Protein backbone atom coordinates (compact mmCIF):
# COMPACT_ATOMS: atom_id res chain seq x y z
CA MET A 1 0.93 8.55 3.33
CA THR A 2 0.54 5.21 3.06
CA ALA A 3 -3.22 4.87 3.16
CA ALA A 4 -3.43 8.04 0.02
CA TRP A 5 -1.27 5.70 -2.45
CA LEU A 6 -3.07 2.43 -1.32
CA PHE A 7 -6.42 5.14 -2.64
CA THR A 8 -4.71 5.79 -5.49
CA SER A 9 -3.48 2.93 -6.62
CA ALA A 10 -6.91 1.82 -6.33
CA ALA A 11 -8.77 4.53 -8.24
CA ILE A 12 -6.69 3.95 -11.20
CA ILE A 13 -7.73 0.11 -11.29
CA ALA A 14 -10.92 0.69 -10.90
CA GLY A 15 -10.96 3.50 -13.48
CA LEU A 16 -8.32 1.90 -16.34
CA GLY A 17 -10.33 -1.51 -15.84
CA ILE A 18 -13.75 -0.26 -16.18
CA LEU A 19 -12.37 1.88 -18.57
CA PHE A 20 -11.03 -1.24 -20.63
CA ALA A 21 -14.71 -2.79 -20.32
CA PHE A 22 -16.22 0.02 -21.41
CA LYS A 23 -14.50 0.03 -24.84
CA ARG A 24 -14.63 -3.52 -25.26
CA LEU A 25 -18.43 -3.06 -24.71
CA LEU A 26 -18.34 -0.24 -27.41
CA ARG A 27 -16.29 -2.34 -29.60
CA GLY A 28 -18.71 -4.84 -29.89
CA LEU A 29 -21.20 -2.56 -30.14
CA SER A 30 -20.41 -0.77 -32.81
CA TYR A 31 -19.57 -4.79 -34.39
CA ARG A 32 -23.15 -5.07 -34.22
CA MET A 33 -24.05 -2.29 -36.28
CA GLU A 34 -21.89 -3.08 -38.88
CA ARG A 35 -23.31 -6.41 -38.96
CA LYS A 36 -27.49 -5.35 -38.50
CA GLU A 37 -27.32 -8.03 -35.60
CA PHE A 38 -28.68 -4.54 -33.51
CA ASN A 39 -30.95 -6.75 -31.23
CA GLN A 40 -32.19 -7.11 -27.60
CA GLN A 41 -30.81 -10.02 -27.01
CA GLY A 42 -27.54 -10.04 -28.09
CA LEU A 43 -27.80 -6.08 -26.28
CA GLN A 44 -28.80 -7.58 -22.96
CA LYS A 45 -25.88 -10.42 -22.94
CA ASP A 46 -23.18 -7.58 -23.76
CA GLN A 47 -24.17 -5.70 -21.24
CA THR A 48 -24.35 -8.53 -18.49
CA ARG A 49 -20.95 -9.21 -19.98
CA TYR A 50 -20.03 -5.69 -19.18
CA PHE A 51 -21.38 -5.49 -15.15
CA ILE A 52 -19.76 -8.96 -15.15
CA GLN A 53 -16.49 -7.50 -16.06
CA VAL A 54 -17.47 -3.85 -14.16
CA ALA A 55 -16.97 -6.39 -11.01
CA LEU A 56 -14.45 -8.20 -11.62
CA PHE A 57 -12.01 -5.12 -11.73
CA GLU A 58 -13.80 -3.48 -8.49
CA ALA A 59 -12.54 -6.54 -6.78
CA ILE A 60 -8.92 -5.59 -6.38
CA PRO A 61 -9.63 -1.73 -5.62
CA ILE A 62 -11.99 -2.50 -2.72
CA PHE A 63 -9.39 -4.70 -1.42
CA LEU A 64 -7.19 -1.95 -1.42
CA LEU A 65 -10.00 0.27 0.18
CA VAL A 66 -9.78 -1.97 3.20
CA LEU A 67 -5.92 -2.32 3.18
CA GLY A 68 -6.45 2.07 2.94
CA PHE A 69 -8.71 1.97 6.18
CA MET A 70 -6.37 -0.26 7.73
CA PHE A 71 -3.36 2.30 7.68
CA MET A 72 -5.20 5.52 7.85
CA LYS A 73 -4.14 7.50 10.83
CA ASP A 74 -5.38 10.61 12.68
CA ASN A 75 -3.64 13.46 11.31
CA GLU A 76 -1.29 11.25 9.38
CA ALA A 77 -0.93 13.60 6.39
CA SER A 78 -1.16 16.93 5.06
CA LEU A 79 -2.83 18.64 2.53
CA VAL A 80 0.37 19.22 0.78
CA SER A 81 1.27 15.56 0.66
CA LEU A 82 -1.88 14.98 -0.71
CA SER A 83 -1.66 17.18 -3.56
CA ILE A 84 0.35 14.19 -5.71
CA PRO A 85 -2.38 11.54 -5.15
CA LEU A 86 -5.49 14.21 -5.96
CA ILE A 87 -3.28 15.23 -9.49
CA VAL A 88 -2.73 11.40 -10.48
CA ILE A 89 -6.76 10.75 -9.51
CA LEU A 90 -7.74 13.76 -11.26
CA GLY A 91 -5.48 12.83 -14.52
CA ILE A 92 -7.35 9.38 -13.89
CA ILE A 93 -10.77 11.24 -14.27
CA LEU A 94 -9.74 13.16 -17.49
CA ILE A 95 -7.91 10.23 -19.15
CA CYS A 96 -11.18 8.10 -18.82
CA ILE A 97 -13.73 11.34 -19.59
CA SER A 98 -11.92 11.51 -22.56
CA GLN A 99 -11.01 8.28 -23.56
CA ILE A 100 -15.48 7.55 -23.21
CA TRP A 101 -16.29 10.63 -25.27
CA SER A 102 -13.07 9.82 -28.15
CA SER A 103 -14.92 6.24 -27.92
CA LYS A 104 -18.67 7.41 -28.65
CA GLN A 105 -17.29 9.43 -31.35
CA GLU A 106 -15.99 6.73 -33.11
CA VAL A 107 -18.92 4.29 -33.28
CA LEU A 108 -21.44 7.32 -33.78
CA SER A 109 -19.36 8.44 -36.55
CA HIS A 110 -21.19 4.57 -38.30
CA PRO A 111 -22.77 5.58 -41.41
CA ASP A 112 -25.81 3.21 -40.95
CA ILE A 113 -26.70 4.29 -37.51
CA GLY A 114 -30.62 5.35 -36.99
CA LYS A 115 -32.58 6.91 -34.53
CA SER A 116 -32.72 3.78 -31.74
CA GLU A 117 -28.98 2.61 -32.01
CA LYS A 118 -27.64 6.47 -31.38
CA SER A 119 -30.35 6.49 -28.62
CA TYR A 120 -29.06 3.18 -27.29
CA ILE A 121 -25.04 4.62 -27.46
CA ASN A 122 -26.02 7.56 -25.77
CA THR A 123 -27.28 5.38 -22.74
CA ILE A 124 -24.55 3.12 -22.77
CA VAL A 125 -22.20 6.34 -22.67
CA LEU A 126 -23.89 7.82 -19.56
CA ILE A 127 -23.73 4.27 -18.04
CA GLY A 128 -20.19 3.90 -18.31
CA PHE A 129 -19.46 7.65 -17.41
CA SER A 130 -20.89 7.00 -13.86
CA THR A 131 -19.36 3.04 -13.39
CA ILE A 132 -16.28 4.53 -14.59
CA LEU A 133 -16.37 8.10 -12.27
CA CYS A 134 -17.47 6.45 -9.28
CA ILE A 135 -14.97 4.94 -7.71
CA PRO A 136 -12.44 7.33 -8.41
CA ARG A 137 -14.54 10.30 -7.36
CA TYR A 138 -14.97 8.14 -4.15
CA PHE A 139 -10.86 7.82 -3.40
CA HIS A 140 -10.43 11.32 -4.30
CA CYS A 141 -12.83 12.94 -1.67
CA ARG A 142 -11.35 9.74 1.33
CA ASN A 143 -7.35 11.25 0.58
CA TYR A 144 -8.76 14.36 2.95
CA PRO A 145 -8.02 14.42 6.47
CA LEU A 146 -11.65 14.31 7.58
CA ASP A 147 -11.16 17.45 9.77
CA GLN A 148 -9.69 19.53 6.43
CA LEU A 149 -12.97 18.47 5.13
CA GLU A 150 -15.29 19.55 7.75
CA LYS A 151 -13.24 22.70 7.89
CA THR A 152 -13.93 23.14 3.86
CA ALA A 153 -17.38 22.04 4.28
CA SER A 154 -18.17 25.02 7.12
CA LEU A 155 -16.89 27.22 5.00
CA ILE A 156 -19.56 26.65 2.05
């Protein structure tokens, strides 16, 4: 049971931490659009800063992942005892998706946004979805006992 909560904690830290970095990136892009400084060098600088922050926010979840594997035992938890961590992880995923979507709508509502800026923002949003959701989805799958996953896979 300890391993499931370590995986859940790692998913929460990774999801919310990377969401914070993503919202900061979009605020910076919005500020650049207001000042009419939407150029390639500034955008590369913002993206580099974002990916460095993502790496820093993923350091703690990776450590928790290692601890979770150390505490994981065979047949330790049933599917019922893993339902609360599952609900928490799914809640984090839904919160992250809604926050990304609202941030995107906020930036795209800027009156002077051009076609290239809109395309760039959409690309950044897709990158944000992939970086934020990759860790919680992994931990969601990792919480289930291997024999349960094999039974589910055999049914499909």
